[in-house]
Amino acid sequence: MPRDIKHLTAAADKALARLTDPRHRKIVANYRLHAMLEVSGRWEEIFAPDMTVDHPFYRVAAPEGMIELDGREQVQSFYKGLVEADTTVMILDHEELVIDDWGFSSEALYNTYMTGEQAIARGNAEAVPGKKYVEQRWVCMIWPYDAAGRMIGERVYPAPTATLIECTDGDFLTVEDARRVFGPLIRQAQDELKALAA
């Protein structure tokens, strides 16, 4: 039986249940909505004017070195590439969030669902074409936000090594699964974010 993909936002859900500061609530609500849109392959909506600044900046550590994405066009191209590679579906375990006026930091164990072909393309030499996998990797992130609670960018620092676990077809989660589960939640989260910004 596949895991509940709603676990992706567990840390944000808990934070929203305890936070009272309006600015902090906006930041976490934005992050929660961003996560649901990303795993659902709906990256275009991340760039709504109430979610992301006009000129975002990302710094992402990768095996080939540090990648810097400066401006909307470069960041959008990055998301488009993730969707085209079909590697957006993930669940976060053990996520810890630290929230302040400037934004938030996070550490979590990322469980990314991918086929053998996708795993090989990401450098997992032990993967076998035709099989299904979950790649587990610890990731630290820092996301700055502006005074209106809009994301300024991301700093993403994944661990250099990962564990690849074979997954049965029945336990494998897809973008279609994410869209089915998160569709109604996204609409609700968009309304909640607008209410927080009012």
N, C-alpha and C. Protein backbone atom coordinates (compact mmCIF):
# COMPACT_ATOMS: atom_id res chain seq x y z
N MET A 1 0.85 -1.19 0.00
CA MET A 1 0.00 0.00 0.00
C MET A 1 0.88 1.24 0.00
N PRO A 2 0.64 2.20 -0.91
CA PRO A 2 1.49 3.39 -0.98
C PRO A 2 1.32 4.28 0.25
N ARG A 3 2.37 5.02 0.57
CA ARG A 3 2.31 5.97 1.67
C ARG A 3 1.36 7.11 1.34
N ASP A 4 0.86 7.76 2.36
CA ASP A 4 -0.03 8.90 2.18
C ASP A 4 0.82 10.10 1.77
N ILE A 5 0.62 10.58 0.55
CA ILE A 5 1.43 11.68 0.03
C ILE A 5 1.18 12.97 0.79
N LYS A 6 0.07 13.06 1.51
CA LYS A 6 -0.20 14.26 2.31
C LYS A 6 0.84 14.47 3.42
N HIS A 7 1.63 13.41 3.72
CA HIS A 7 2.69 13.53 4.72
C HIS A 7 3.74 14.56 4.27
N LEU A 8 3.76 14.87 2.98
CA LEU A 8 4.68 15.89 2.45
C LEU A 8 4.61 17.18 3.26
N THR A 9 3.43 17.59 3.66
CA THR A 9 3.25 18.88 4.33
C THR A 9 3.07 18.76 5.84
N ALA A 10 3.45 17.63 6.42
CA ALA A 10 3.19 17.39 7.84
C ALA A 10 3.81 18.46 8.73
N ALA A 11 5.06 18.84 8.46
CA ALA A 11 5.73 19.83 9.31
C ALA A 11 5.06 21.19 9.17
N ALA A 12 4.69 21.56 7.95
CA ALA A 12 4.00 22.84 7.74
C ALA A 12 2.63 22.82 8.40
N ASP A 13 1.92 21.69 8.31
CA ASP A 13 0.60 21.58 8.95
C ASP A 13 0.72 21.80 10.46
N LYS A 14 1.73 21.18 11.07
CA LYS A 14 1.93 21.32 12.52
C LYS A 14 2.29 22.76 12.88
N ALA A 15 3.13 23.37 12.05
CA ALA A 15 3.53 24.76 12.32
C ALA A 15 2.34 25.70 12.25
N LEU A 16 1.49 25.51 11.25
CA LEU A 16 0.32 26.38 11.11
C LEU A 16 -0.65 26.21 12.27
N ALA A 17 -0.67 25.02 12.87
CA ALA A 17 -1.56 24.77 14.00
C ALA A 17 -1.10 25.49 15.27
N ARG A 18 0.19 25.83 15.33
CA ARG A 18 0.71 26.46 16.55
C ARG A 18 1.10 27.93 16.38
N LEU A 19 1.37 28.36 15.15
CA LEU A 19 1.85 29.72 14.93
C LEU A 19 0.71 30.74 15.10
N THR A 20 1.04 31.88 15.69
CA THR A 20 0.06 32.96 15.82
C THR A 20 0.53 34.23 15.10
N ASP A 21 1.83 34.38 14.89
CA ASP A 21 2.35 35.57 14.22
C ASP A 21 1.88 35.57 12.77
N PRO A 22 1.17 36.63 12.32
CA PRO A 22 0.60 36.64 10.96
C PRO A 22 1.65 36.49 9.87
N ARG A 23 2.80 37.15 10.04
CA ARG A 23 3.85 37.05 9.02
C ARG A 23 4.39 35.63 8.92
N HIS A 24 4.61 34.99 10.05
CA HIS A 24 5.12 33.62 10.06
C HIS A 24 4.10 32.66 9.46
N ARG A 25 2.83 32.90 9.74
CA ARG A 25 1.77 32.05 9.18
C ARG A 25 1.73 32.18 7.64
N LYS A 26 1.92 33.40 7.14
CA LYS A 26 1.94 33.60 5.69
C LYS A 26 3.10 32.85 5.05
N ILE A 27 4.26 32.90 5.69
CA ILE A 27 5.45 32.23 5.16
C ILE A 27 5.20 30.72 5.07
N VAL A 28 4.69 30.14 6.15
CA VAL A 28 4.49 28.69 6.17
C VAL A 28 3.35 28.28 5.24
N ALA A 29 2.30 29.07 5.17
CA ALA A 29 1.20 28.76 4.25
C ALA A 29 1.69 28.81 2.80
N ASN A 30 2.57 29.76 2.49
CA ASN A 30 3.16 29.87 1.17
C ASN A 30 4.00 28.63 0.86
N TYR A 31 4.84 28.24 1.81
CA TYR A 31 5.69 27.06 1.63
C TYR A 31 4.85 25.80 1.42
N ARG A 32 3.80 25.65 2.22
CA ARG A 32 2.93 24.48 2.11
C ARG A 32 2.28 24.40 0.73
N LEU A 33 1.75 25.52 0.25
CA LEU A 33 1.13 25.56 -1.07
C LEU A 33 2.17 25.30 -2.16
N HIS A 34 3.34 25.90 -2.02
CA HIS A 34 4.44 25.69 -2.98
C HIS A 34 4.76 24.20 -3.11
N ALA A 35 4.88 23.51 -1.97
CA ALA A 35 5.22 22.09 -1.97
C ALA A 35 4.17 21.27 -2.71
N MET A 36 2.89 21.53 -2.44
CA MET A 36 1.82 20.77 -3.09
C MET A 36 1.80 21.02 -4.60
N LEU A 37 2.01 22.28 -4.99
CA LEU A 37 2.05 22.60 -6.42
C LEU A 37 3.23 21.93 -7.10
N GLU A 38 4.39 21.95 -6.44
CA GLU A 38 5.60 21.38 -7.05
C GLU A 38 5.47 19.88 -7.29
N VAL A 39 5.02 19.12 -6.30
CA VAL A 39 4.93 17.67 -6.49
C VAL A 39 3.81 17.30 -7.45
N SER A 40 2.86 18.20 -7.63
CA SER A 40 1.77 17.96 -8.57
C SER A 40 2.12 18.37 -10.00
N GLY A 41 3.33 18.89 -10.19
CA GLY A 41 3.76 19.30 -11.52
C GLY A 41 3.12 20.60 -11.98
N ARG A 42 2.56 21.37 -11.05
CA ARG A 42 1.87 22.63 -11.38
C ARG A 42 2.77 23.82 -11.07
N TRP A 43 4.01 23.77 -11.57
CA TRP A 43 5.02 24.75 -11.20
C TRP A 43 4.66 26.17 -11.62
N GLU A 44 3.90 26.32 -12.70
CA GLU A 44 3.59 27.68 -13.16
C GLU A 44 2.87 28.50 -12.09
N GLU A 45 2.04 27.81 -11.29
CA GLU A 45 1.25 28.51 -10.28
C GLU A 45 2.09 28.99 -9.10
N ILE A 46 3.30 28.44 -8.96
CA ILE A 46 4.20 28.90 -7.90
C ILE A 46 4.56 30.37 -8.10
N PHE A 47 4.49 30.83 -9.35
CA PHE A 47 4.92 32.18 -9.67
C PHE A 47 3.77 33.19 -9.67
N ALA A 48 2.68 32.85 -9.01
CA ALA A 48 1.59 33.81 -8.82
C ALA A 48 2.14 35.03 -8.07
N PRO A 49 1.63 36.22 -8.37
CA PRO A 49 2.17 37.44 -7.76
C PRO A 49 2.13 37.46 -6.24
N ASP A 50 1.20 36.73 -5.63
CA ASP A 50 1.11 36.72 -4.17
C ASP A 50 1.97 35.64 -3.54
N MET A 51 2.69 34.84 -4.38
CA MET A 51 3.51 33.75 -3.85
C MET A 51 5.01 34.00 -4.00
N THR A 52 5.43 34.56 -5.12
CA THR A 52 6.86 34.67 -5.44
C THR A 52 7.17 36.07 -5.94
N VAL A 53 8.33 36.61 -5.54
CA VAL A 53 8.75 37.94 -6.00
C VAL A 53 9.01 37.91 -7.51
N ASP A 54 9.09 39.09 -8.10
CA ASP A 54 9.28 39.18 -9.55
C ASP A 54 10.63 38.64 -10.00
N HIS A 55 11.64 38.76 -9.14
CA HIS A 55 12.99 38.32 -9.53
C HIS A 55 13.54 37.36 -8.46
N PRO A 56 13.13 36.09 -8.51
CA PRO A 56 13.63 35.13 -7.52
C PRO A 56 15.08 34.73 -7.81
N PHE A 57 15.75 34.25 -6.77
CA PHE A 57 17.13 33.77 -6.90
C PHE A 57 17.27 32.46 -6.15
N TYR A 58 17.77 31.43 -6.84
CA TYR A 58 17.98 30.12 -6.23
C TYR A 58 19.47 29.78 -6.25
N ARG A 59 19.92 29.12 -5.19
CA ARG A 59 21.26 28.52 -5.15
C ARG A 59 21.08 27.07 -4.73
N VAL A 60 21.48 26.14 -5.61
CA VAL A 60 21.24 24.72 -5.39
C VAL A 60 22.56 23.96 -5.53
N ALA A 61 22.94 23.22 -4.50
CA ALA A 61 24.14 22.39 -4.57
C ALA A 61 23.82 21.14 -5.39
N ALA A 62 24.71 20.80 -6.30
CA ALA A 62 24.52 19.64 -7.19
C ALA A 62 25.86 18.94 -7.37
N PRO A 63 25.85 17.67 -7.83
CA PRO A 63 27.12 16.95 -8.02
C PRO A 63 28.10 17.69 -8.91
N GLU A 64 27.59 18.43 -9.89
CA GLU A 64 28.47 19.15 -10.80
C GLU A 64 28.92 20.50 -10.25
N GLY A 65 28.46 20.86 -9.06
CA GLY A 65 28.84 22.11 -8.44
C GLY A 65 27.63 22.93 -8.04
N MET A 66 27.86 24.16 -7.63
CA MET A 66 26.77 25.03 -7.20
C MET A 66 26.07 25.63 -8.41
N ILE A 67 24.73 25.49 -8.43
CA ILE A 67 23.93 26.05 -9.51
C ILE A 67 23.24 27.30 -8.99
N GLU A 68 23.37 28.40 -9.71
CA GLU A 68 22.67 29.63 -9.34
C GLU A 68 21.67 29.97 -10.43
N LEU A 69 20.44 30.20 -10.03
CA LEU A 69 19.35 30.53 -10.94
C LEU A 69 18.90 31.94 -10.61
N ASP A 70 19.16 32.87 -11.52
CA ASP A 70 18.95 34.28 -11.25
C ASP A 70 17.83 34.81 -12.14
N GLY A 71 16.67 35.01 -11.54
CA GLY A 71 15.54 35.56 -12.27
C GLY A 71 14.50 34.52 -12.62
N ARG A 72 13.32 35.02 -12.92
CA ARG A 72 12.15 34.18 -13.16
C ARG A 72 12.38 33.17 -14.29
N GLU A 73 12.98 33.60 -15.38
CA GLU A 73 13.15 32.70 -16.54
C GLU A 73 14.01 31.49 -16.19
N GLN A 74 15.13 31.72 -15.50
CA GLN A 74 16.01 30.61 -15.13
C GLN A 74 15.35 29.68 -14.11
N VAL A 75 14.66 30.25 -13.14
CA VAL A 75 14.00 29.43 -12.11
C VAL A 75 12.87 28.62 -12.73
N GLN A 76 12.09 29.24 -13.59
CA GLN A 76 11.00 28.51 -14.25
C GLN A 76 11.53 27.39 -15.13
N SER A 77 12.64 27.62 -15.80
CA SER A 77 13.25 26.57 -16.62
C SER A 77 13.67 25.39 -15.77
N PHE A 78 14.16 25.67 -14.56
CA PHE A 78 14.55 24.62 -13.62
C PHE A 78 13.35 23.74 -13.26
N TYR A 79 12.21 24.38 -12.90
CA TYR A 79 11.02 23.62 -12.56
C TYR A 79 10.49 22.84 -13.76
N LYS A 80 10.52 23.46 -14.90
CA LYS A 80 10.06 22.78 -16.12
C LYS A 80 10.88 21.52 -16.36
N GLY A 81 12.20 21.59 -16.11
CA GLY A 81 13.06 20.43 -16.27
C GLY A 81 12.72 19.31 -15.31
N LEU A 82 12.37 19.66 -14.06
CA LEU A 82 11.97 18.64 -13.08
C LEU A 82 10.71 17.92 -13.53
N VAL A 83 9.74 18.68 -14.06
CA VAL A 83 8.50 18.08 -14.52
C VAL A 83 8.76 17.20 -15.74
N GLU A 84 9.58 17.67 -16.66
CA GLU A 84 9.88 16.88 -17.86
C GLU A 84 10.62 15.59 -17.50
N ALA A 85 11.45 15.64 -16.44
CA ALA A 85 12.16 14.43 -15.98
C ALA A 85 11.26 13.54 -15.14
N ASP A 86 10.06 14.04 -14.77
CA ASP A 86 9.08 13.30 -13.98
C ASP A 86 9.66 12.87 -12.63
N THR A 87 10.35 13.81 -11.98
CA THR A 87 10.95 13.51 -10.67
C THR A 87 10.51 14.52 -9.61
N THR A 88 9.24 14.92 -9.65
CA THR A 88 8.75 15.90 -8.67
C THR A 88 8.05 15.25 -7.48
N VAL A 89 7.72 13.97 -7.58
CA VAL A 89 6.91 13.34 -6.52
C VAL A 89 7.80 12.92 -5.37
N MET A 90 7.48 13.43 -4.19
CA MET A 90 8.30 13.14 -3.01
C MET A 90 7.45 13.23 -1.75
N ILE A 91 7.97 12.62 -0.70
CA ILE A 91 7.42 12.74 0.65
C ILE A 91 8.58 13.10 1.56
N LEU A 92 8.36 14.04 2.49
CA LEU A 92 9.40 14.45 3.43
C LEU A 92 9.16 13.79 4.78
N ASP A 93 10.22 13.20 5.32
CA ASP A 93 10.16 12.63 6.67
C ASP A 93 11.05 13.44 7.61
N HIS A 94 10.68 13.45 8.88
CA HIS A 94 11.49 14.05 9.95
C HIS A 94 11.79 15.53 9.68
N GLU A 95 10.87 16.24 9.00
CA GLU A 95 11.17 17.63 8.69
C GLU A 95 11.09 18.50 9.94
N GLU A 96 12.12 19.33 10.11
CA GLU A 96 12.16 20.32 11.17
C GLU A 96 12.18 21.70 10.53
N LEU A 97 11.29 22.57 10.96
CA LEU A 97 11.19 23.93 10.42
C LEU A 97 11.56 24.94 11.50
N VAL A 98 12.35 25.93 11.10
CA VAL A 98 12.65 27.08 11.95
C VAL A 98 12.14 28.30 11.19
N ILE A 99 11.17 29.01 11.76
CA ILE A 99 10.51 30.11 11.07
C ILE A 99 10.80 31.41 11.78
N ASP A 100 11.13 32.45 11.01
CA ASP A 100 11.35 33.78 11.56
C ASP A 100 10.86 34.80 10.54
N ASP A 101 11.02 36.09 10.86
CA ASP A 101 10.52 37.12 9.95
C ASP A 101 11.16 37.05 8.57
N TRP A 102 12.41 36.61 8.49
CA TRP A 102 13.15 36.58 7.22
C TRP A 102 12.73 35.42 6.33
N GLY A 103 12.09 34.38 6.90
CA GLY A 103 11.71 33.19 6.13
C GLY A 103 11.81 31.95 7.00
N PHE A 104 12.28 30.85 6.42
CA PHE A 104 12.41 29.62 7.21
C PHE A 104 13.61 28.81 6.74
N SER A 105 14.05 27.93 7.63
CA SER A 105 15.02 26.90 7.27
C SER A 105 14.40 25.55 7.58
N SER A 106 14.88 24.54 6.88
CA SER A 106 14.29 23.21 7.00
C SER A 106 15.38 22.15 6.84
N GLU A 107 15.23 21.07 7.58
CA GLU A 107 16.01 19.86 7.34
C GLU A 107 15.03 18.70 7.27
N ALA A 108 15.18 17.85 6.26
CA ALA A 108 14.25 16.73 6.11
C ALA A 108 14.91 15.61 5.33
N LEU A 109 14.37 14.40 5.51
CA LEU A 109 14.75 13.26 4.69
C LEU A 109 13.78 13.20 3.52
N TYR A 110 14.30 13.46 2.33
CA TYR A 110 13.49 13.47 1.11
C TYR A 110 13.38 12.05 0.56
N ASN A 111 12.15 11.63 0.28
CA ASN A 111 11.87 10.35 -0.37
C ASN A 111 11.32 10.68 -1.76
N THR A 112 12.15 10.54 -2.79
CA THR A 112 11.77 10.92 -4.14
C THR A 112 11.50 9.66 -4.95
N TYR A 113 10.33 9.62 -5.57
CA TYR A 113 9.90 8.45 -6.34
C TYR A 113 10.40 8.59 -7.77
N MET A 114 11.02 7.51 -8.28
CA MET A 114 11.56 7.55 -9.63
C MET A 114 11.68 6.15 -10.21
N THR A 115 11.60 6.08 -11.53
CA THR A 115 11.81 4.80 -12.22
C THR A 115 13.29 4.50 -12.27
N GLY A 116 13.61 3.27 -12.65
CA GLY A 116 15.01 2.90 -12.81
C GLY A 116 15.72 3.80 -13.80
N GLU A 117 15.04 4.12 -14.88
CA GLU A 117 15.64 4.99 -15.90
C GLU A 117 15.93 6.37 -15.34
N GLN A 118 14.98 6.90 -14.56
CA GLN A 118 15.18 8.22 -13.95
C GLN A 118 16.30 8.19 -12.92
N ALA A 119 16.36 7.10 -12.15
CA ALA A 119 17.41 6.96 -11.14
C ALA A 119 18.79 6.90 -11.79
N ILE A 120 18.89 6.17 -12.90
CA ILE A 120 20.16 6.10 -13.62
C ILE A 120 20.57 7.47 -14.14
N ALA A 121 19.59 8.21 -14.68
CA ALA A 121 19.86 9.55 -15.20
C ALA A 121 20.33 10.49 -14.10
N ARG A 122 19.96 10.21 -12.86
CA ARG A 122 20.38 11.03 -11.72
C ARG A 122 21.66 10.52 -11.08
N GLY A 123 22.31 9.54 -11.72
CA GLY A 123 23.61 9.08 -11.24
C GLY A 123 23.58 7.87 -10.34
N ASN A 124 22.42 7.20 -10.22
CA ASN A 124 22.32 5.98 -9.40
C ASN A 124 22.69 4.77 -10.26
N ALA A 125 23.97 4.41 -10.24
CA ALA A 125 24.46 3.35 -11.13
C ALA A 125 23.88 1.99 -10.79
N GLU A 126 23.41 1.79 -9.55
CA GLU A 126 22.90 0.48 -9.16
C GLU A 126 21.45 0.26 -9.58
N ALA A 127 20.80 1.29 -10.08
CA ALA A 127 19.40 1.16 -10.50
C ALA A 127 19.28 0.29 -11.74
N VAL A 128 18.11 -0.36 -11.87
CA VAL A 128 17.84 -1.27 -12.98
C VAL A 128 16.67 -0.72 -13.79
N PRO A 129 16.83 -0.57 -15.09
CA PRO A 129 15.71 -0.10 -15.92
C PRO A 129 14.49 -0.99 -15.75
N GLY A 130 13.32 -0.38 -15.73
CA GLY A 130 12.08 -1.13 -15.59
C GLY A 130 11.62 -1.30 -14.15
N LYS A 131 12.51 -1.05 -13.18
CA LYS A 131 12.13 -1.15 -11.78
C LYS A 131 11.72 0.23 -11.24
N LYS A 132 11.13 0.24 -10.05
CA LYS A 132 10.69 1.47 -9.40
C LYS A 132 11.48 1.65 -8.11
N TYR A 133 11.75 2.91 -7.77
CA TYR A 133 12.60 3.19 -6.62
C TYR A 133 12.12 4.40 -5.83
N VAL A 134 12.58 4.45 -4.57
CA VAL A 134 12.50 5.65 -3.75
C VAL A 134 13.94 6.02 -3.40
N GLU A 135 14.33 7.24 -3.74
CA GLU A 135 15.65 7.73 -3.37
C GLU A 135 15.51 8.53 -2.09
N GLN A 136 16.26 8.14 -1.05
CA GLN A 136 16.23 8.84 0.23
C GLN A 136 17.50 9.67 0.38
N ARG A 137 17.30 10.98 0.66
CA ARG A 137 18.44 11.89 0.78
C ARG A 137 18.09 13.00 1.78
N TRP A 138 19.01 13.28 2.70
CA TRP A 138 18.82 14.40 3.62
C TRP A 138 19.08 15.71 2.88
N VAL A 139 18.22 16.69 3.13
CA VAL A 139 18.33 17.98 2.46
C VAL A 139 18.12 19.10 3.48
N CYS A 140 19.00 20.11 3.43
CA CYS A 140 18.83 21.33 4.22
C CYS A 140 18.45 22.45 3.26
N MET A 141 17.51 23.28 3.68
CA MET A 141 17.06 24.39 2.84
C MET A 141 16.93 25.67 3.66
N ILE A 142 17.14 26.79 2.98
CA ILE A 142 16.89 28.12 3.53
C ILE A 142 16.10 28.88 2.47
N TRP A 143 14.92 29.36 2.86
CA TRP A 143 14.07 30.11 1.93
C TRP A 143 13.81 31.49 2.51
N PRO A 144 14.36 32.55 1.91
CA PRO A 144 14.02 33.91 2.35
C PRO A 144 12.69 34.38 1.76
N TYR A 145 12.01 35.23 2.52
CA TYR A 145 10.71 35.79 2.11
C TYR A 145 10.73 37.30 2.29
N ASP A 146 9.89 38.00 1.53
CA ASP A 146 9.80 39.45 1.70
C ASP A 146 8.75 39.78 2.77
N ALA A 147 8.57 41.08 3.02
CA ALA A 147 7.66 41.51 4.09
C ALA A 147 6.21 41.13 3.81
N ALA A 148 5.87 40.90 2.54
CA ALA A 148 4.51 40.51 2.17
C ALA A 148 4.31 39.00 2.23
N GLY A 149 5.33 38.26 2.66
CA GLY A 149 5.21 36.81 2.75
C GLY A 149 5.38 36.10 1.42
N ARG A 150 6.07 36.75 0.47
CA ARG A 150 6.33 36.13 -0.83
C ARG A 150 7.75 35.56 -0.85
N MET A 151 7.91 34.40 -1.46
CA MET A 151 9.21 33.76 -1.52
C MET A 151 10.17 34.57 -2.39
N ILE A 152 11.36 34.82 -1.85
CA ILE A 152 12.41 35.52 -2.59
C ILE A 152 13.26 34.51 -3.35
N GLY A 153 13.41 33.32 -2.78
CA GLY A 153 14.22 32.31 -3.44
C GLY A 153 14.45 31.11 -2.55
N GLU A 154 15.35 30.26 -2.98
CA GLU A 154 15.68 29.05 -2.24
C GLU A 154 17.19 28.86 -2.20
N ARG A 155 17.66 28.33 -1.08
CA ARG A 155 19.02 27.81 -0.97
C ARG A 155 18.84 26.35 -0.59
N VAL A 156 19.30 25.44 -1.43
CA VAL A 156 19.03 24.01 -1.25
C VAL A 156 20.36 23.25 -1.21
N TYR A 157 20.59 22.53 -0.10
CA TYR A 157 21.85 21.84 0.10
C TYR A 157 21.59 20.36 0.41
N PRO A 158 21.50 19.51 -0.62
CA PRO A 158 21.29 18.09 -0.39
C PRO A 158 22.57 17.39 0.04
N ALA A 159 22.40 16.32 0.82
CA ALA A 159 23.56 15.49 1.17
C ALA A 159 24.17 14.91 -0.10
N PRO A 160 25.48 14.72 -0.13
CA PRO A 160 26.12 14.22 -1.36
C PRO A 160 25.80 12.76 -1.67
N THR A 161 25.35 12.01 -0.67
CA THR A 161 25.03 10.60 -0.90
C THR A 161 23.55 10.36 -0.60
N ALA A 162 23.02 9.30 -1.22
CA ALA A 162 21.62 8.94 -1.05
C ALA A 162 21.49 7.43 -0.98
N THR A 163 20.37 6.96 -0.47
CA THR A 163 20.05 5.54 -0.43
C THR A 163 18.93 5.28 -1.43
N LEU A 164 19.12 4.28 -2.27
CA LEU A 164 18.11 3.92 -3.27
C LEU A 164 17.42 2.64 -2.82
N ILE A 165 16.10 2.69 -2.67
CA ILE A 165 15.32 1.56 -2.18
C ILE A 165 14.34 1.13 -3.27
N GLU A 166 14.35 -0.14 -3.61
CA GLU A 166 13.41 -0.62 -4.63
C GLU A 166 11.99 -0.56 -4.08
N CYS A 167 11.07 -0.21 -4.95
CA CYS A 167 9.68 0.03 -4.57
C CYS A 167 8.78 -0.83 -5.46
N THR A 168 7.75 -1.44 -4.88
CA THR A 168 6.82 -2.22 -5.69
C THR A 168 5.95 -1.28 -6.52
N ASP A 169 5.39 -1.81 -7.58
CA ASP A 169 4.48 -1.00 -8.41
C ASP A 169 3.31 -0.48 -7.57
N GLY A 170 2.82 -1.30 -6.64
CA GLY A 170 1.68 -0.90 -5.82
C GLY A 170 1.99 0.21 -4.83
N ASP A 171 3.25 0.33 -4.45
CA ASP A 171 3.65 1.37 -3.49
C ASP A 171 4.20 2.62 -4.16
N PHE A 172 4.31 2.59 -5.46
CA PHE A 172 4.93 3.71 -6.20
C PHE A 172 3.93 4.85 -6.36
N LEU A 173 4.36 6.06 -6.05
CA LEU A 173 3.51 7.24 -6.18
C LEU A 173 3.87 8.01 -7.45
N THR A 174 2.86 8.51 -8.13
CA THR A 174 3.04 9.22 -9.40
C THR A 174 2.52 10.65 -9.31
N VAL A 175 2.81 11.44 -10.33
CA VAL A 175 2.28 12.80 -10.42
C VAL A 175 0.76 12.77 -10.42
N GLU A 176 0.18 11.78 -11.09
CA GLU A 176 -1.29 11.65 -11.12
C GLU A 176 -1.84 11.45 -9.71
N ASP A 177 -1.14 10.64 -8.90
CA ASP A 177 -1.55 10.45 -7.50
C ASP A 177 -1.50 11.78 -6.75
N ALA A 178 -0.42 12.52 -6.95
CA ALA A 178 -0.27 13.81 -6.27
C ALA A 178 -1.38 14.78 -6.69
N ARG A 179 -1.68 14.82 -7.97
CA ARG A 179 -2.72 15.73 -8.45
C ARG A 179 -4.09 15.36 -7.89
N ARG A 180 -4.37 14.07 -7.81
CA ARG A 180 -5.67 13.63 -7.31
C ARG A 180 -5.84 14.00 -5.83
N VAL A 181 -4.79 13.77 -5.04
CA VAL A 181 -4.88 14.03 -3.60
C VAL A 181 -4.81 15.52 -3.30
N PHE A 182 -3.88 16.21 -3.96
CA PHE A 182 -3.64 17.61 -3.61
C PHE A 182 -4.56 18.60 -4.33
N GLY A 183 -5.23 18.18 -5.40
CA GLY A 183 -6.09 19.11 -6.14
C GLY A 183 -7.02 19.91 -5.25
N PRO A 184 -7.89 19.25 -4.47
CA PRO A 184 -8.80 20.01 -3.59
C PRO A 184 -8.06 20.79 -2.49
N LEU A 185 -6.95 20.22 -1.99
CA LEU A 185 -6.19 20.89 -0.94
C LEU A 185 -5.51 22.15 -1.47
N ILE A 186 -5.08 22.11 -2.72
CA ILE A 186 -4.45 23.29 -3.33
C ILE A 186 -5.44 24.44 -3.43
N ARG A 187 -6.64 24.14 -3.88
CA ARG A 187 -7.66 25.20 -3.98
C ARG A 187 -7.92 25.83 -2.61
N GLN A 188 -8.02 24.99 -1.60
CA GLN A 188 -8.25 25.48 -0.24
C GLN A 188 -7.05 26.31 0.24
N ALA A 189 -5.83 25.81 -0.02
CA ALA A 189 -4.62 26.52 0.42
C ALA A 189 -4.47 27.87 -0.29
N GLN A 190 -4.86 27.94 -1.56
CA GLN A 190 -4.81 29.22 -2.28
C GLN A 190 -5.75 30.24 -1.65
N ASP A 191 -6.95 29.79 -1.29
CA ASP A 191 -7.90 30.67 -0.62
C ASP A 191 -7.38 31.13 0.74
N GLU A 192 -6.75 30.20 1.48
CA GLU A 192 -6.23 30.54 2.81
C GLU A 192 -5.09 31.54 2.70
N LEU A 193 -4.24 31.37 1.69
CA LEU A 193 -3.13 32.30 1.52
C LEU A 193 -3.64 33.70 1.17
N LYS A 194 -4.65 33.77 0.34
CA LYS A 194 -5.24 35.08 0.00
C LYS A 194 -5.84 35.73 1.24
N ALA A 195 -6.48 34.94 2.09
CA ALA A 195 -7.07 35.48 3.32
C ALA A 195 -5.99 36.02 4.25
N LEU A 196 -4.86 35.33 4.32
CA LEU A 196 -3.76 35.78 5.19
C LEU A 196 -3.14 37.07 4.66
N ALA A 197 -3.18 37.25 3.34
CA ALA A 197 -2.59 38.45 2.75
C ALA A 197 -3.51 39.66 2.83
N ALA A 198 -4.79 39.41 3.14
CA ALA A 198 -5.77 40.52 3.14
C ALA A 198 -5.53 41.47 4.31
